[in-house]
PDB file of N, CA and C in Angstrom:
ATOM      1  N   MET A   1      -5.038  10.923  23.533  1.00  0.00           N
ATOM      2  CA  MET A   1      -4.620   9.579  23.858  1.00  0.00           C
ATOM      3  C   MET A   1      -4.444   8.796  22.556  1.00  0.00           C
ATOM      4  N   LYS A   2      -3.485   7.878  22.579  1.00  0.00           N
ATOM      5  CA  LYS A   2      -3.227   7.071  21.389  1.00  0.00           C
ATOM      6  C   LYS A   2      -4.000   5.758  21.465  1.00  0.00           C
ATOM      7  N   TYR A   3      -4.514   5.333  20.293  1.00  0.00           N
ATOM      8  CA  TYR A   3      -5.235   4.075  20.178  1.00  0.00           C
ATOM      9  C   TYR A   3      -4.712   3.318  18.970  1.00  0.00           C
ATOM     10  N   LEU A   4      -4.587   2.004  19.129  1.00  0.00           N
ATOM     11  CA  LEU A   4      -4.219   1.145  18.009  1.00  0.00           C
ATOM     12  C   LEU A   4      -5.483   0.515  17.466  1.00  0.00           C
ATOM     13  N   CYS A   5      -5.742   0.741  16.200  1.00  0.00           N
ATOM     14  CA  CYS A   5      -6.875   0.126  15.514  1.00  0.00           C
ATOM     15  C   CYS A   5      -6.324  -1.041  14.700  1.00  0.00           C
ATOM     16  N   GLN A   6      -6.557  -2.266  15.192  1.00  0.00           N
ATOM     17  CA  GLN A   6      -6.092  -3.456  14.498  1.00  0.00           C
ATOM     18  C   GLN A   6      -7.161  -3.879  13.502  1.00  0.00           C
ATOM     19  N   VAL A   7      -6.772  -4.069  12.264  1.00  0.00           N
ATOM     20  CA  VAL A   7      -7.700  -4.413  11.184  1.00  0.00           C
ATOM     21  C   VAL A   7      -7.672  -5.932  10.992  1.00  0.00           C
ATOM     22  N   TRP A   8      -8.775  -6.607  11.329  1.00  0.00           N
ATOM     23  CA  TRP A   8      -8.889  -8.053  11.228  1.00  0.00           C
ATOM     24  C   TRP A   8      -9.898  -8.406  10.148  1.00  0.00           C
ATOM     25  N   PHE A   9      -9.536  -9.350   9.284  1.00  0.00           N
ATOM     26  CA  PHE A   9     -10.486  -9.806   8.267  1.00  0.00           C
ATOM     27  C   PHE A   9     -10.077 -11.169   7.742  1.00  0.00           C
ATOM     28  N   ASP A  10     -11.035 -11.831   7.128  1.00  0.00           N
ATOM     29  CA  ASP A  10     -10.815 -13.137   6.522  1.00  0.00           C
ATOM     30  C   ASP A  10     -10.188 -12.903   5.152  1.00  0.00           C
ATOM     31  N   ASP A  11      -8.962 -13.388   4.964  1.00  0.00           N
ATOM     32  CA  ASP A  11      -8.253 -13.200   3.695  1.00  0.00           C
ATOM     33  C   ASP A  11      -9.054 -13.756   2.511  1.00  0.00           C
ATOM     34  N   GLY A  12      -9.884 -14.759   2.765  1.00  0.00           N
ATOM     35  CA  GLY A  12     -10.720 -15.334   1.707  1.00  0.00           C
ATOM     36  C   GLY A  12     -11.701 -14.333   1.128  1.00  0.00           C
ATOM     37  N   VAL A  13     -12.128 -13.377   1.955  1.00  0.00           N
ATOM     38  CA  VAL A  13     -13.042 -12.337   1.466  1.00  0.00           C
ATOM     39  C   VAL A  13     -12.349 -11.511   0.393  1.00  0.00           C
ATOM     40  N   LEU A  14     -11.099 -11.161   0.637  1.00  0.00           N
ATOM     41  CA  LEU A  14     -10.349 -10.385  -0.359  1.00  0.00           C
ATOM     42  C   LEU A  14     -10.088 -11.215  -1.617  1.00  0.00           C
ATOM     43  N   ASP A  15      -9.781 -12.501  -1.413  1.00  0.00           N
ATOM     44  CA  ASP A  15      -9.529 -13.377  -2.565  1.00  0.00           C
ATOM     45  C   ASP A  15     -10.746 -13.487  -3.470  1.00  0.00           C
ATOM     46  N   ALA A  16     -11.946 -13.396  -2.879  1.00  0.00           N
ATOM     47  CA  ALA A  16     -13.178 -13.536  -3.647  1.00  0.00           C
ATOM     48  C   ALA A  16     -13.584 -12.247  -4.367  1.00  0.00           C
ATOM     49  N   MET A  17     -12.932 -11.145  -4.055  1.00  0.00           N
ATOM     50  CA  MET A  17     -13.291  -9.859  -4.668  1.00  0.00           C
ATOM     51  C   MET A  17     -12.746  -9.761  -6.089  1.00  0.00           C
ATOM     52  N   THR A  18     -13.466  -9.033  -6.921  1.00  0.00           N
ATOM     53  CA  THR A  18     -12.972  -8.760  -8.269  1.00  0.00           C
ATOM     54  C   THR A  18     -11.847  -7.728  -8.170  1.00  0.00           C
ATOM     55  N   GLN A  19     -11.077  -7.592  -9.226  1.00  0.00           N
ATOM     56  CA  GLN A  19     -10.006  -6.598  -9.236  1.00  0.00           C
ATOM     57  C   GLN A  19     -10.571  -5.194  -9.075  1.00  0.00           C
ATOM     58  N   GLU A  20     -11.739  -4.936  -9.656  1.00  0.00           N
ATOM     59  CA  GLU A  20     -12.365  -3.617  -9.526  1.00  0.00           C
ATOM     60  C   GLU A  20     -12.748  -3.347  -8.071  1.00  0.00           C
ATOM     61  N   GLU A  21     -13.288  -4.365  -7.384  1.00  0.00           N
ATOM     62  CA  GLU A  21     -13.658  -4.200  -5.980  1.00  0.00           C
ATOM     63  C   GLU A  21     -12.424  -3.966  -5.110  1.00  0.00           C
ATOM     64  N   LYS A  22     -11.343  -4.681  -5.397  1.00  0.00           N
ATOM     65  CA  LYS A  22     -10.098  -4.483  -4.644  1.00  0.00           C
ATOM     66  C   LYS A  22      -9.547  -3.074  -4.863  1.00  0.00           C
ATOM     67  N   THR A  23      -9.585  -2.618  -6.111  1.00  0.00           N
ATOM     68  CA  THR A  23      -9.102  -1.274  -6.429  1.00  0.00           C
ATOM     69  C   THR A  23      -9.932  -0.225  -5.701  1.00  0.00           C
ATOM     70  N   GLU A  24     -11.256  -0.405  -5.668  1.00  0.00           N
ATOM     71  CA  GLU A  24     -12.137   0.534  -4.970  1.00  0.00           C
ATOM     72  C   GLU A  24     -11.846   0.530  -3.466  1.00  0.00           C
ATOM     73  N   LEU A  25     -11.641  -0.642  -2.900  1.00  0.00           N
ATOM     74  CA  LEU A  25     -11.316  -0.752  -1.473  1.00  0.00           C
ATOM     75  C   LEU A  25      -9.990  -0.057  -1.170  1.00  0.00           C
ATOM     76  N   ASP A  26      -8.987  -0.289  -2.014  1.00  0.00           N
ATOM     77  CA  ASP A  26      -7.690   0.367  -1.826  1.00  0.00           C
ATOM     78  C   ASP A  26      -7.827   1.887  -1.898  1.00  0.00           C
ATOM     79  N   THR A  27      -8.578   2.365  -2.880  1.00  0.00           N
ATOM     80  CA  THR A  27      -8.789   3.804  -3.055  1.00  0.00           C
ATOM     81  C   THR A  27      -9.496   4.388  -1.838  1.00  0.00           C
ATOM     82  N   ASN A  28     -10.562   3.709  -1.390  1.00  0.00           N
ATOM     83  CA  ASN A  28     -11.308   4.192  -0.222  1.00  0.00           C
ATOM     84  C   ASN A  28     -10.424   4.198   1.021  1.00  0.00           C
ATOM     85  N   SER A  29      -9.596   3.169   1.180  1.00  0.00           N
ATOM     86  CA  SER A  29      -8.716   3.092   2.342  1.00  0.00           C
ATOM     87  C   SER A  29      -7.684   4.210   2.328  1.00  0.00           C
ATOM     88  N   LEU A  30      -7.061   4.431   1.185  1.00  0.00           N
ATOM     89  CA  LEU A  30      -6.068   5.506   1.079  1.00  0.00           C
ATOM     90  C   LEU A  30      -6.701   6.875   1.283  1.00  0.00           C
ATOM     91  N   ASN A  31      -7.910   7.062   0.777  1.00  0.00           N
ATOM     92  CA  ASN A  31      -8.608   8.336   0.974  1.00  0.00           C
ATOM     93  C   ASN A  31      -8.952   8.551   2.450  1.00  0.00           C
ATOM     94  N   TYR A  32      -9.350   7.480   3.140  1.00  0.00           N
ATOM     95  CA  TYR A  32      -9.657   7.604   4.564  1.00  0.00           C
ATOM     96  C   TYR A  32      -8.394   7.928   5.355  1.00  0.00           C
ATOM     97  N   ASP A  33      -7.295   7.269   4.999  1.00  0.00           N
ATOM     98  CA  ASP A  33      -6.017   7.590   5.646  1.00  0.00           C
ATOM     99  C   ASP A  33      -5.677   9.066   5.458  1.00  0.00           C
ATOM    100  N   LYS A  34      -5.886   9.565   4.245  1.00  0.00           N
ATOM    101  CA  LYS A  34      -5.613  10.982   3.956  1.00  0.00           C
ATOM    102  C   LYS A  34      -6.498  11.879   4.824  1.00  0.00           C
ATOM    103  N   ASP A  35      -7.779  11.507   4.972  1.00  0.00           N
ATOM    104  CA  ASP A  35      -8.692  12.279   5.819  1.00  0.00           C
ATOM    105  C   ASP A  35      -8.205  12.295   7.272  1.00  0.00           C
ATOM    106  N   LEU A  36      -7.701  11.148   7.753  1.00  0.00           N
ATOM    107  CA  LEU A  36      -7.202  11.082   9.127  1.00  0.00           C
ATOM    108  C   LEU A  36      -5.952  11.938   9.308  1.00  0.00           C
ATOM    109  N   VAL A  37      -5.095  11.969   8.292  1.00  0.00           N
ATOM    110  CA  VAL A  37      -3.912  12.838   8.349  1.00  0.00           C
ATOM    111  C   VAL A  37      -4.354  14.290   8.427  1.00  0.00           C
ATOM    112  N   GLU A  38      -5.276  14.673   7.554  1.00  0.00           N
ATOM    113  CA  GLU A  38      -5.732  16.066   7.503  1.00  0.00           C
ATOM    114  C   GLU A  38      -6.431  16.491   8.791  1.00  0.00           C
ATOM    115  N   SER A  39      -7.124  15.554   9.467  1.00  0.00           N
ATOM    116  CA  SER A  39      -7.833  15.897  10.701  1.00  0.00           C
ATOM    117  C   SER A  39      -6.922  15.852  11.927  1.00  0.00           C
ATOM    118  N   GLY A  40      -5.677  15.374  11.739  1.00  0.00           N
ATOM    119  CA  GLY A  40      -4.734  15.302  12.846  1.00  0.00           C
ATOM    120  C   GLY A  40      -4.837  14.036  13.682  1.00  0.00           C
ATOM    121  N   HIS A  41      -5.652  13.080  13.254  1.00  0.00           N
ATOM    122  CA  HIS A  41      -5.820  11.838  14.012  1.00  0.00           C
ATOM    123  C   HIS A  41      -4.779  10.772  13.661  1.00  0.00           C
ATOM    124  N   MET A  42      -4.250  10.807  12.467  1.00  0.00           N
ATOM    125  CA  MET A  42      -3.331   9.760  12.000  1.00  0.00           C
ATOM    126  C   MET A  42      -1.947   9.916  12.608  1.00  0.00           C
ATOM    127  N   ILE A  43      -1.431   8.819  13.140  1.00  0.00           N
ATOM    128  CA  ILE A  43      -0.032   8.764  13.539  1.00  0.00           C
ATOM    129  C   ILE A  43       0.719   7.929  12.510  1.00  0.00           C
ATOM    130  N   VAL A  44       0.255   6.699  12.260  1.00  0.00           N
ATOM    131  CA  VAL A  44       0.852   5.839  11.242  1.00  0.00           C
ATOM    132  C   VAL A  44      -0.155   4.751  10.888  1.00  0.00           C
ATOM    133  N   ALA A  45      -0.093   4.272   9.648  1.00  0.00           N
ATOM    134  CA  ALA A  45      -0.927   3.154   9.203  1.00  0.00           C
ATOM    135  C   ALA A  45      -0.101   2.279   8.277  1.00  0.00           C
ATOM    136  N   GLN A  46      -0.277   0.975   8.410  1.00  0.00           N
ATOM    137  CA  GLN A  46       0.436   0.035   7.551  1.00  0.00           C
ATOM    138  C   GLN A  46      -0.446  -1.180   7.288  1.00  0.00           C
ATOM    139  N   ALA A  47      -0.381  -1.678   6.067  1.00  0.00           N
ATOM    140  CA  ALA A  47      -1.010  -2.952   5.728  1.00  0.00           C
ATOM    141  C   ALA A  47       0.050  -4.037   5.897  1.00  0.00           C
ATOM    142  N   LEU A  48      -0.403  -5.238   6.228  1.00  0.00           N
ATOM    143  CA  LEU A  48       0.521  -6.352   6.413  1.00  0.00           C
ATOM    144  C   LEU A  48       0.422  -7.330   5.247  1.00  0.00           C
ATOM    145  N   GLN A  49       1.501  -8.042   4.999  1.00  0.00           N
ATOM    146  CA  GLN A  49       1.487  -9.126   4.020  1.00  0.00           C
ATOM    147  C   GLN A  49       0.556 -10.221   4.544  1.00  0.00           C
ATOM    148  N   PRO A  50       0.120 -11.156   3.688  1.00  0.00           N
ATOM    149  CA  PRO A  50      -0.801 -12.217   4.129  1.00  0.00           C
ATOM    150  C   PRO A  50      -0.207 -13.070   5.251  1.00  0.00           C
ATOM    151  N   PRO A  51      -1.077 -13.692   6.056  1.00  0.00           N
ATOM    152  CA  PRO A  51      -0.606 -14.521   7.174  1.00  0.00           C
ATOM    153  C   PRO A  51       0.368 -15.625   6.760  1.00  0.00           C
ATOM    154  N   LYS A  52       0.243 -16.124   5.565  1.00  0.00           N
ATOM    155  CA  LYS A  52       1.143 -17.208   5.133  1.00  0.00           C
ATOM    156  C   LYS A  52       2.599 -16.751   5.072  1.00  0.00           C
ATOM    157  N   THR A  53       2.847 -15.448   5.089  1.00  0.00           N
ATOM    158  CA  THR A  53       4.216 -14.932   5.056  1.00  0.00           C
ATOM    159  C   THR A  53       4.810 -14.770   6.451  1.00  0.00           C
ATOM    160  N   ALA A  54       3.984 -14.991   7.484  1.00  0.00           N
ATOM    161  CA  ALA A  54       4.409 -14.756   8.870  1.00  0.00           C
ATOM    162  C   ALA A  54       5.227 -15.917   9.416  1.00  0.00           C
ATOM    163  N   VAL A  55       6.006 -15.618  10.424  1.00  0.00           N
ATOM    164  CA  VAL A  55       6.654 -16.630  11.251  1.00  0.00           C
ATOM    165  C   VAL A  55       6.345 -16.267  12.704  1.00  0.00           C
ATOM    166  N   THR A  56       6.297 -17.291  13.555  1.00  0.00           N
ATOM    167  CA  THR A  56       6.066 -17.080  14.975  1.00  0.00           C
ATOM    168  C   THR A  56       7.326 -17.482  15.726  1.00  0.00           C
ATOM    169  N   VAL A  57       7.808 -16.590  16.582  1.00  0.00           N
ATOM    170  CA  VAL A  57       9.046 -16.817  17.343  1.00  0.00           C
ATOM    171  C   VAL A  57       8.676 -16.999  18.813  1.00  0.00           C
ATOM    172  N   ARG A  58       9.238 -18.043  19.424  1.00  0.00           N
ATOM    173  CA  ARG A  58       9.063 -18.292  20.851  1.00  0.00           C
ATOM    174  C   ARG A  58      10.435 -18.565  21.463  1.00  0.00           C
ATOM    175  N   VAL A  59      10.621 -18.118  22.696  1.00  0.00           N
ATOM    176  CA  VAL A  59      11.836 -18.443  23.445  1.00  0.00           C
ATOM    177  C   VAL A  59      11.378 -19.113  24.734  1.00  0.00           C
ATOM    178  N   ARG A  60      11.804 -20.358  24.922  1.00  0.00           N
ATOM    179  CA  ARG A  60      11.476 -21.123  26.122  1.00  0.00           C
ATOM    180  C   ARG A  60      12.759 -21.739  26.654  1.00  0.00           C
ATOM    181  N   ASN A  61      13.022 -21.493  27.934  1.00  0.00           N
ATOM    182  CA  ASN A  61      14.222 -22.034  28.570  1.00  0.00           C
ATOM    183  C   ASN A  61      15.487 -21.699  27.790  1.00  0.00           C
ATOM    184  N   GLY A  62      15.540 -20.492  27.253  1.00  0.00           N
ATOM    185  CA  GLY A  62      16.717 -20.045  26.521  1.00  0.00           C
ATOM    186  C   GLY A  62      16.812 -20.556  25.092  1.00  0.00           C
ATOM    187  N   GLU A  63      15.853 -21.364  24.654  1.00  0.00           N
ATOM    188  CA  GLU A  63      15.856 -21.913  23.288  1.00  0.00           C
ATOM    189  C   GLU A  63      14.854 -21.160  22.422  1.00  0.00           C
ATOM    190  N   THR A  64      15.304 -20.756  21.239  1.00  0.00           N
ATOM    191  CA  THR A  64      14.442 -20.060  20.289  1.00  0.00           C
ATOM    192  C   THR A  64      13.874 -21.053  19.290  1.00  0.00           C
ATOM    193  N   SER A  65      12.565 -20.980  19.082  1.00  0.00           N
ATOM    194  CA  SER A  65      11.946 -21.804  18.042  1.00  0.00           C
ATOM    195  C   SER A  65      11.185 -20.876  17.102  1.00  0.00           C
ATOM    196  N   VAL A  66      11.207 -21.224  15.841  1.00  0.00           N
ATOM    197  CA  VAL A  66      10.532 -20.437  14.811  1.00  0.00           C
ATOM    198  C   VAL A  66       9.635 -21.382  14.019  1.00  0.00           C
ATOM    199  N   THR A  67       8.356 -21.021  13.899  1.00  0.00           N
ATOM    200  CA  THR A  67       7.432 -21.814  13.095  1.00  0.00           C
ATOM    201  C   THR A  67       6.819 -20.928  12.028  1.00  0.00           C
ATOM    202  N   ASP A  68       6.495 -21.529  10.912  1.00  0.00           N
ATOM    203  CA  ASP A  68       5.867 -20.782   9.822  1.00  0.00           C
ATOM    204  C   ASP A  68       4.435 -20.424  10.186  1.00  0.00           C
ATOM    205  N   GLY A  69       4.018 -19.259   9.705  1.00  0.00           N
ATOM    206  CA  GLY A  69       2.633 -18.850   9.863  1.00  0.00           C
ATOM    207  C   GLY A  69       2.339 -18.221  11.207  1.00  0.00           C
ATOM    208  N   PRO A  70       1.129 -17.702  11.324  1.00  0.00           N
ATOM    209  CA  PRO A  70       0.715 -17.075  12.577  1.00  0.00           C
ATOM    210  C   PRO A  70       0.448 -18.138  13.637  1.00  0.00           C
ATOM    211  N   PHE A  71       0.504 -17.710  14.882  1.00  0.00           N
ATOM    212  CA  PHE A  71       0.306 -18.622  16.002  1.00  0.00           C
ATOM    213  C   PHE A  71      -1.149 -19.064  16.119  1.00  0.00           C
ATOM    214  N   ALA A  72      -2.069 -18.138  16.031  1.00  0.00           N
ATOM    215  CA  ALA A  72      -3.481 -18.435  16.289  1.00  0.00           C
ATOM    216  C   ALA A  72      -4.136 -19.150  15.113  1.00  0.00           C
ATOM    217  N   GLU A  73      -4.942 -20.135  15.445  1.00  0.00           N
ATOM    218  CA  GLU A  73      -5.774 -20.798  14.441  1.00  0.00           C
ATOM    219  C   GLU A  73      -7.110 -20.073  14.440  1.00  0.00           C
ATOM    220  N   THR A  74      -7.280 -19.188  13.506  1.00  0.00           N
ATOM    221  CA  THR A  74      -8.484 -18.378  13.453  1.00  0.00           C
ATOM    222  C   THR A  74      -8.837 -18.088  12.012  1.00  0.00           C
ATOM    223  N   LYS A  75     -10.106 -17.801  11.765  1.00  0.00           N
ATOM    224  CA  LYS A  75     -10.538 -17.497  10.405  1.00  0.00           C
ATOM    225  C   LYS A  75     -10.068 -16.102  10.001  1.00  0.00           C
ATOM    226  N   GLU A  76     -10.140 -15.154  10.934  1.00  0.00           N
ATOM    227  CA  GLU A  76      -9.691 -13.804  10.648  1.00  0.00           C
ATOM    228  C   GLU A  76      -8.226 -13.649  11.037  1.00  0.00           C
ATOM    229  N   ALA A  77      -7.511 -12.850  10.279  1.00  0.00           N
ATOM    230  CA  ALA A  77      -6.104 -12.585  10.564  1.00  0.00           C
ATOM    231  C   ALA A  77      -5.886 -11.080  10.602  1.00  0.00           C
ATOM    232  N   LEU A  78      -4.849 -10.679  11.298  1.00  0.00           N
ATOM    233  CA  LEU A  78      -4.487  -9.272  11.365  1.00  0.00           C
ATOM    234  C   LEU A  78      -3.973  -8.842  10.001  1.00  0.00           C
ATOM    235  N   GLY A  79      -4.638  -7.875   9.399  1.00  0.00           N
ATOM    236  CA  GLY A  79      -4.271  -7.442   8.059  1.00  0.00           C
ATOM    237  C   GLY A  79      -3.548  -6.112   8.020  1.00  0.00           C
ATOM    238  N   GLY A  80      -3.596  -5.389   9.117  1.00  0.00           N
ATOM    239  CA  GLY A  80      -2.935  -4.096   9.151  1.00  0.00           C
ATOM    240  C   GLY A  80      -3.306  -3.365  10.430  1.00  0.00           C
ATOM    241  N   PHE A  81      -2.823  -2.145  10.548  1.00  0.00           N
ATOM    242  CA  PHE A  81      -3.118  -1.359  11.737  1.00  0.00           C
ATOM    243  C   PHE A  81      -3.064   0.116  11.407  1.00  0.00           C
ATOM    244  N   ILE A  82      -3.767   0.873  12.233  1.00  0.00           N
ATOM    245  CA  ILE A  82      -3.727   2.328  12.166  1.00  0.00           C
ATOM    246  C   ILE A  82      -3.544   2.824  13.598  1.00  0.00           C
ATOM    247  N   LEU A  83      -2.485   3.548  13.830  1.00  0.00           N
ATOM    248  CA  LEU A  83      -2.249   4.157  15.127  1.00  0.00           C
ATOM    249  C   LEU A  83      -2.787   5.575  15.058  1.00  0.00           C
ATOM    250  N   ILE A  84      -3.742   5.884  15.936  1.00  0.00           N
ATOM    251  CA  ILE A  84      -4.413   7.185  15.869  1.00  0.00           C
ATOM    252  C   ILE A  84      -4.272   7.934  17.193  1.00  0.00           C
ATOM    253  N   GLU A  85      -4.555   9.203  17.124  1.00  0.00           N
ATOM    254  CA  GLU A  85      -4.672  10.065  18.297  1.00  0.00           C
ATOM    255  C   GLU A  85      -6.149  10.441  18.375  1.00  0.00           C
ATOM    256  N   ALA A  86      -6.764  10.209  19.537  1.00  0.00           N
ATOM    257  CA  ALA A  86      -8.172  10.549  19.737  1.00  0.00           C
ATOM    258  C   ALA A  86      -8.350  11.096  21.144  1.00  0.00           C
ATOM    259  N   LYS A  87      -9.358  11.929  21.330  1.00  0.00           N
ATOM    260  CA  LYS A  87      -9.551  12.542  22.647  1.00  0.00           C
ATOM    261  C   LYS A  87     -10.050  11.536  23.677  1.00  0.00           C
ATOM    262  N   ASP A  88     -10.773  10.489  23.219  1.00  0.00           N
ATOM    263  CA  ASP A  88     -11.270   9.460  24.135  1.00  0.00           C
ATOM    264  C   ASP A  88     -11.679   8.228  23.328  1.00  0.00           C
ATOM    265  N   LEU A  89     -12.135   7.192  24.036  1.00  0.00           N
ATOM    266  CA  LEU A  89     -12.508   5.945  23.384  1.00  0.00           C
ATOM    267  C   LEU A  89     -13.655   6.137  22.404  1.00  0.00           C
ATOM    268  N   ASN A  90     -14.604   6.982  22.746  1.00  0.00           N
ATOM    269  CA  ASN A  90     -15.737   7.210  21.839  1.00  0.00           C
ATOM    270  C   ASN A  90     -15.279   7.770  20.495  1.00  0.00           C
ATOM    271  N   GLU A  91     -14.351   8.719  20.542  1.00  0.00           N
ATOM    272  CA  GLU A  91     -13.834   9.265  19.291  1.00  0.00           C
ATOM    273  C   GLU A  91     -13.034   8.198  18.536  1.00  0.00           C
ATOM    274  N   ALA A  92     -12.273   7.382  19.247  1.00  0.00           N
ATOM    275  CA  ALA A  92     -11.512   6.305  18.607  1.00  0.00           C
ATOM    276  C   ALA A  92     -12.454   5.310  17.919  1.00  0.00           C
ATOM    277  N   ILE A  93     -13.570   4.997  18.564  1.00  0.00           N
ATOM    278  CA  ILE A  93     -14.558   4.087  17.969  1.00  0.00           C
ATOM    279  C   ILE A  93     -15.153   4.702  16.706  1.00  0.00           C
ATOM    280  N   ARG A  94     -15.468   5.982  16.768  1.00  0.00           N
ATOM    281  CA  ARG A  94     -16.023   6.665  15.592  1.00  0.00           C
ATOM    282  C   ARG A  94     -15.028   6.614  14.429  1.00  0.00           C
ATOM    283  N   ILE A  95     -13.757   6.841  14.728  1.00  0.00           N
ATOM    284  CA  ILE A  95     -12.723   6.792  13.692  1.00  0.00           C
ATOM    285  C   ILE A  95     -12.598   5.374  13.144  1.00  0.00           C
ATOM    286  N   ALA A  96     -12.575   4.377  14.027  1.00  0.00           N
ATOM    287  CA  ALA A  96     -12.456   2.978  13.597  1.00  0.00           C
ATOM    288  C   ALA A  96     -13.626   2.559  12.724  1.00  0.00           C
ATOM    289  N   ALA A  97     -14.814   3.054  13.022  1.00  0.00           N
ATOM    290  CA  ALA A  97     -15.997   2.699  12.233  1.00  0.00           C
ATOM    291  C   ALA A  97     -15.899   3.202  10.798  1.00  0.00           C
ATOM    292  N   GLY A  98     -15.090   4.221  10.576  1.00  0.00           N
ATOM    293  CA  GLY A  98     -14.924   4.759   9.234  1.00  0.00           C
ATOM    294  C   GLY A  98     -13.910   4.007   8.385  1.00  0.00           C
ATOM    295  N   ILE A  99     -13.144   3.118   8.983  1.00  0.00           N
ATOM    296  CA  ILE A  99     -12.146   2.355   8.230  1.00  0.00           C
ATOM    297  C   ILE A  99     -12.872   1.447   7.251  1.00  0.00           C
ATOM    298  N   PRO A 100     -12.607   1.554   5.954  1.00  0.00           N
ATOM    299  CA  PRO A 100     -13.355   0.774   4.964  1.00  0.00           C
ATOM    300  C   PRO A 100     -13.365  -0.735   5.217  1.00  0.00           C
ATOM    301  N   LEU A 101     -12.296  -1.298   5.735  1.00  0.00           N
ATOM    302  CA  LEU A 101     -12.283  -2.747   5.984  1.00  0.00           C
ATOM    303  C   LEU A 101     -13.165  -3.154   7.156  1.00  0.00           C
ATOM    304  N   ALA A 102     -13.688  -2.198   7.925  1.00  0.00           N
ATOM    305  CA  ALA A 102     -14.630  -2.534   8.997  1.00  0.00           C
ATOM    306  C   ALA A 102     -15.894  -3.158   8.412  1.00  0.00           C
ATOM    307  N   ARG A 103     -16.185  -2.887   7.147  1.00  0.00           N
ATOM    308  CA  ARG A 103     -17.369  -3.460   6.488  1.00  0.00           C
ATOM    309  C   ARG A 103     -17.151  -4.910   6.072  1.00  0.00           C
ATOM    310  N   LEU A 104     -15.892  -5.356   6.062  1.00  0.00           N
ATOM    311  CA  LEU A 104     -15.577  -6.726   5.645  1.00  0.00           C
ATOM    312  C   LEU A 104     -15.079  -7.589   6.800  1.00  0.00           C
ATOM    313  N   GLY A 105     -14.587  -6.965   7.838  1.00  0.00           N
ATOM    314  CA  GLY A 105     -14.021  -7.696   8.969  1.00  0.00           C
ATOM    315  C   GLY A 105     -14.337  -6.970  10.257  1.00  0.00           C
ATOM    316  N   SER A 106     -13.340  -6.774  11.079  1.00  0.00           N
ATOM    317  CA  SER A 106     -13.548  -6.063  12.342  1.00  0.00           C
ATOM    318  C   SER A 106     -12.318  -5.226  12.661  1.00  0.00           C
ATOM    319  N   ILE A 107     -12.540  -4.210  13.470  1.00  0.00           N
ATOM    320  CA  ILE A 107     -11.464  -3.332  13.912  1.00  0.00           C
ATOM    321  C   ILE A 107     -11.398  -3.419  15.432  1.00  0.00           C
ATOM    322  N   GLU A 108     -10.285  -3.895  15.949  1.00  0.00           N
ATOM    323  CA  GLU A 108     -10.091  -3.921  17.399  1.00  0.00           C
ATOM    324  C   GLU A 108      -9.411  -2.626  17.797  1.00  0.00           C
ATOM    325  N   VAL A 109     -10.049  -1.885  18.692  1.00  0.00           N
ATOM    326  CA  VAL A 109      -9.520  -0.602  19.159  1.00  0.00           C
ATOM    327  C   VAL A 109      -8.964  -0.819  20.555  1.00  0.00           C
ATOM    328  N   ARG A 110      -7.688  -0.505  20.712  1.00  0.00           N
ATOM    329  CA  ARG A 110      -7.045  -0.729  22.009  1.00  0.00           C
ATOM    330  C   ARG A 110      -6.219   0.495  22.371  1.00  0.00           C
ATOM    331  N   PRO A 111      -6.402   1.024  23.615  1.00  0.00           N
ATOM    332  CA  PRO A 111      -5.583   2.163  24.040  1.00  0.00           C
ATOM    333  C   PRO A 111      -4.118   1.754  24.176  1.00  0.00           C
ATOM    334  N   ILE A 112      -3.255   2.675  23.862  1.00  0.00           N
ATOM    335  CA  ILE A 112      -1.818   2.470  24.014  1.00  0.00           C
ATOM    336  C   ILE A 112      -1.435   2.755  25.459  1.00  0.00           C
ATOM    337  N   HIS A 113      -0.657   1.881  26.042  1.00  0.00           N
ATOM    338  CA  HIS A 113      -0.161   2.090  27.399  1.00  0.00           C
ATOM    339  C   HIS A 113       1.084   2.963  27.311  1.00  0.00           C
ATOM    340  N   GLU A 114       1.014   4.101  27.947  1.00  0.00           N
ATOM    341  CA  GLU A 114       2.155   5.022  27.971  1.00  0.00           C
ATOM    342  C   GLU A 114       2.959   4.759  29.240  1.00  0.00           C
ATOM    343  N   PHE A 115       4.222   4.398  29.091  1.00  0.00           N
ATOM    344  CA  PHE A 115       5.092   4.184  30.239  1.00  0.00           C
ATOM    345  C   PHE A 115       5.641   5.524  30.705  1.00  0.00           C
ATOM    346  N   ALA A 116       5.677   5.701  31.999  1.00  0.00           N
ATOM    347  CA  ALA A 116       6.227   6.930  32.559  1.00  0.00           C
ATOM    348  C   ALA A 116       7.742   6.916  32.412  1.00  0.00           C
ATOM    349  N   ALA A 117       8.305   8.052  32.050  1.00  0.00           N
ATOM    350  CA  ALA A 117       9.764   8.157  31.932  1.00  0.00           C
ATOM    351  C   ALA A 117      10.377   8.101  33.328  1.00  0.00           C
ATOM    352  N   LYS A 118      11.508   7.394  33.429  1.00  0.00           N
ATOM    353  CA  LYS A 118      12.172   7.281  34.737  1.00  0.00           C
ATOM    354  C   LYS A 118      13.324   8.239  34.827  1.00  0.00           C
TER     355      LYS A 118
END
């Protein structure tokens, strides 16, 4: 079964890190991604640009509106995602717990809804 591991963290935590700490985090993250590829769990992983680069699009009554920034007013922002293959939720949780950014923020694990082919 496929699971989306959403990586949430406070961007201020990263801003407060030294360059050495950021480099170590990047190295650990890339190494973990490599481990997931080798174990067959990795489907895809991507980091996102900071929330200030986002735009939010809404369509209401046929009118499109675009606003700068993310929609939610929250301290933590979505920083990236890892799409994995796991045998069940317990295995997905174990994999998510190994994501290095789980020590700085949180990982939301959500099963992917598979639509039946028509």
